[in-house]
């Protein structure tokens, strides 16, 4: 099935990687420090070039449209903590991304900790709270803890809620 990434119709993960490589000068390499990861925008093509340790870094999930290639590297110790007083309702999604529209490949998330202390139902997953129609995650994994006390939430290890059709 086709999905749209950065304005291109893509019919396979191999094609997505070919597009990312073709436009090498147009995307950012993410690596070296947590600040590099915090500086990604909500739209683009990104590749990790090394492991990133997010220990003691406050992370706020972002809506992301594009290609994110982990290249087999790991984002470690990603921590997302929200409570009713600090969270905006539209941000009650996610781990790395609140909403994913696009393609993620070869991404490892190690020792993730996500906690939502909320009366509201939430949508939470280590890579994305929500994955939109025709998006794809391949060759990726997450380990860690997701703590959600409320009822009626959508929680998954990688993705909390997937619109059909979905590909993980």
Protein backbone atom coordinates (compact mmCIF):
# COMPACT_ATOMS: atom_id res chain seq x y z
CA UNK A 1 0.00 0.00 0.00
CA UNK A 2 1.13 3.56 -0.67
CA UNK A 3 1.82 6.16 1.97
CA UNK A 4 2.87 9.78 1.71
CA UNK A 5 6.18 10.99 3.12
CA UNK A 6 7.45 14.51 2.63
CA UNK A 7 5.16 14.98 -0.35
CA UNK A 8 6.18 11.80 -2.17
CA UNK A 9 4.01 8.74 -2.77
CA UNK A 10 6.06 5.83 -1.48
CA UNK A 11 5.19 2.18 -1.96
CA UNK A 12 7.85 0.50 0.17
CA UNK A 13 10.37 1.16 2.89
CA UNK A 14 13.19 0.58 0.39
CA UNK A 15 11.80 3.41 -1.74
CA UNK A 16 11.63 5.69 1.32
CA UNK A 17 15.29 5.05 2.06
CA UNK A 18 16.19 5.66 -1.59
CA UNK A 19 14.40 9.02 -1.44
CA UNK A 20 16.15 9.93 1.81
CA UNK A 21 19.53 9.10 0.27
CA UNK A 22 18.75 10.97 -2.95
CA UNK A 23 17.95 14.14 -1.02
CA UNK A 24 20.86 13.79 1.39
CA UNK A 25 21.61 17.52 1.37
CA UNK A 26 18.01 18.33 2.29
CA UNK A 27 17.73 16.44 5.53
CA UNK A 28 19.38 16.72 8.89
CA UNK A 29 21.67 14.27 10.59
CA UNK A 30 20.61 13.90 14.20
CA UNK A 31 23.31 12.86 16.62
CA UNK A 32 25.92 13.79 19.16
CA UNK A 33 23.64 15.29 21.85
CA UNK A 34 20.06 15.40 23.14
CA UNK A 35 19.83 19.00 21.86
CA UNK A 36 20.19 17.70 18.31
CA UNK A 37 17.15 15.52 18.87
CA UNK A 38 15.23 18.35 20.56
CA UNK A 39 15.87 20.56 17.50
CA UNK A 40 14.09 18.37 14.99
CA UNK A 41 11.09 20.06 13.41
CA UNK A 42 7.64 18.65 12.85
CA UNK A 43 8.36 18.03 9.15
CA UNK A 44 11.42 16.59 7.45
CA UNK A 45 13.80 13.74 6.78
CA UNK A 46 16.17 12.78 9.61
CA UNK A 47 18.79 10.11 10.27
CA UNK A 48 20.52 9.17 13.50
CA UNK A 49 24.29 8.91 13.24
CA UNK A 50 24.94 7.59 16.74
CA UNK A 51 23.18 6.63 19.98
CA UNK A 52 21.66 9.51 21.95
CA UNK A 53 21.25 9.37 25.73
CA UNK A 54 18.32 11.50 26.90
CA UNK A 55 18.97 11.03 30.63
CA UNK A 56 17.86 14.10 32.63
CA UNK A 57 16.29 15.68 29.53
CA UNK A 58 12.64 16.72 29.61
CA UNK A 59 11.04 15.56 26.35
CA UNK A 60 7.80 16.86 24.90
CA UNK A 61 6.40 14.72 22.06
CA UNK A 62 5.92 16.45 18.72
CA UNK A 63 3.65 15.82 15.76
CA UNK A 64 5.99 14.52 13.06
CA UNK A 65 5.50 14.21 9.31
CA UNK A 66 8.34 12.73 7.30
CA UNK A 67 11.05 10.10 7.41
CA UNK A 68 13.00 9.20 10.55
CA UNK A 69 15.77 6.65 10.00
CA UNK A 70 17.36 5.26 13.15
CA UNK A 71 20.11 3.43 11.23
CA UNK A 72 20.14 0.87 14.04
CA UNK A 73 21.10 3.44 16.66
CA UNK A 74 19.31 3.90 19.95
CA UNK A 75 17.64 6.78 21.73
CA UNK A 76 18.15 5.87 25.38
CA UNK A 77 16.37 6.99 28.54
CA UNK A 78 13.62 8.95 26.78
CA UNK A 79 11.38 10.27 29.57
CA UNK A 80 7.96 11.84 29.10
CA UNK A 81 6.02 12.83 32.24
CA UNK A 82 2.75 14.75 32.18
CA UNK A 83 0.10 15.40 34.78
CA UNK A 84 -3.29 17.13 34.58
CA UNK A 85 -1.82 20.45 35.65
CA UNK A 86 1.06 20.56 33.16
CA UNK A 87 -0.47 18.84 30.13
CA UNK A 88 -2.48 20.47 27.39
CA UNK A 89 -5.19 18.15 26.12
CA UNK A 90 -3.85 18.14 22.55
CA UNK A 91 -0.42 17.07 23.84
CA UNK A 92 -1.72 14.02 25.65
CA UNK A 93 -0.23 11.74 23.07
CA UNK A 94 2.98 9.98 22.67
CA UNK A 95 6.46 9.14 23.47
CA UNK A 96 9.00 10.31 20.91
CA UNK A 97 6.20 11.60 18.65
CA UNK A 98 2.67 12.54 19.59
CA UNK A 99 1.34 11.89 16.08
CA UNK A 100 3.32 10.17 13.32
CA UNK A 101 2.54 10.69 9.66
CA UNK A 102 5.27 9.03 7.65
CA UNK A 103 7.97 6.43 8.00
CA UNK A 104 10.25 5.27 10.85
CA UNK A 105 12.87 2.57 10.23
CA UNK A 106 15.59 0.88 12.29
CA UNK A 107 14.92 2.92 15.42
CA UNK A 108 15.63 1.56 18.89
CA UNK A 109 14.18 3.20 22.00
CA UNK A 110 15.86 1.75 25.09
CA UNK A 111 14.73 2.31 28.69
CA UNK A 112 11.79 4.55 27.82
CA UNK A 113 9.76 5.90 30.75
CA UNK A 114 6.38 7.47 29.98
CA UNK A 115 4.00 8.50 32.75
CA UNK A 116 0.69 10.32 32.40
CA UNK A 117 -0.92 11.17 35.72
CA UNK A 118 -4.24 12.18 34.28
CA UNK A 119 -7.97 11.68 34.78
CA UNK A 120 -8.40 11.97 31.01
CA UNK A 121 -8.01 9.05 28.65
CA UNK A 122 -4.80 9.32 26.66
CA UNK A 123 -3.15 7.74 23.63
CA UNK A 124 0.41 6.62 24.33
CA UNK A 125 3.14 4.57 22.66
CA UNK A 126 6.93 4.76 22.88
CA UNK A 127 7.41 5.81 19.24
CA UNK A 128 4.06 7.52 18.72
CA UNK A 129 0.80 8.05 20.53
CA UNK A 130 -1.03 7.98 17.23
CA UNK A 131 0.02 6.74 13.81
CA UNK A 132 -2.04 8.12 10.93
CA UNK A 133 -3.37 6.34 7.87
CA UNK A 134 -0.72 4.90 5.54
CA UNK A 135 2.19 5.52 7.90
CA UNK A 136 4.76 2.83 8.59
CA UNK A 137 7.19 1.69 11.29
CA UNK A 138 9.66 -1.05 10.38
CA UNK A 139 12.61 -2.82 12.02
CA UNK A 140 12.14 -0.84 15.24
CA UNK A 141 11.63 -1.66 18.90
CA UNK A 142 11.13 -0.07 22.31
CA UNK A 143 11.83 -1.20 25.85
CA UNK A 144 10.92 0.41 29.14
CA UNK A 145 7.84 1.40 31.13
CA UNK A 146 4.59 3.16 30.29
CA UNK A 147 2.51 4.05 33.37
CA UNK A 148 -1.08 5.16 32.74
CA UNK A 149 -3.45 5.21 35.75
CA UNK A 150 -6.66 6.28 33.97
CA UNK A 151 -9.31 4.16 32.29
CA UNK A 152 -10.18 4.20 28.60
CA UNK A 153 -6.68 5.00 27.36
CA UNK A 154 -5.09 3.56 24.21
CA UNK A 155 -1.65 2.28 25.12
CA UNK A 156 0.84 0.28 23.08
CA UNK A 157 4.51 -0.55 23.25
CA UNK A 158 5.32 1.19 19.96
CA UNK A 159 2.08 2.98 19.06
CA UNK A 160 -0.98 3.76 21.16
CA UNK A 161 -3.53 4.14 18.36
CA UNK A 162 -3.24 3.27 14.67
CA UNK A 163 -5.60 4.50 11.99
CA UNK A 164 -6.40 1.88 9.36
CA UNK A 165 -4.61 0.78 7.27
CA UNK A 166 -1.54 0.60 9.42
CA UNK A 167 1.90 -0.93 9.12
CA UNK A 168 4.08 -1.77 12.09
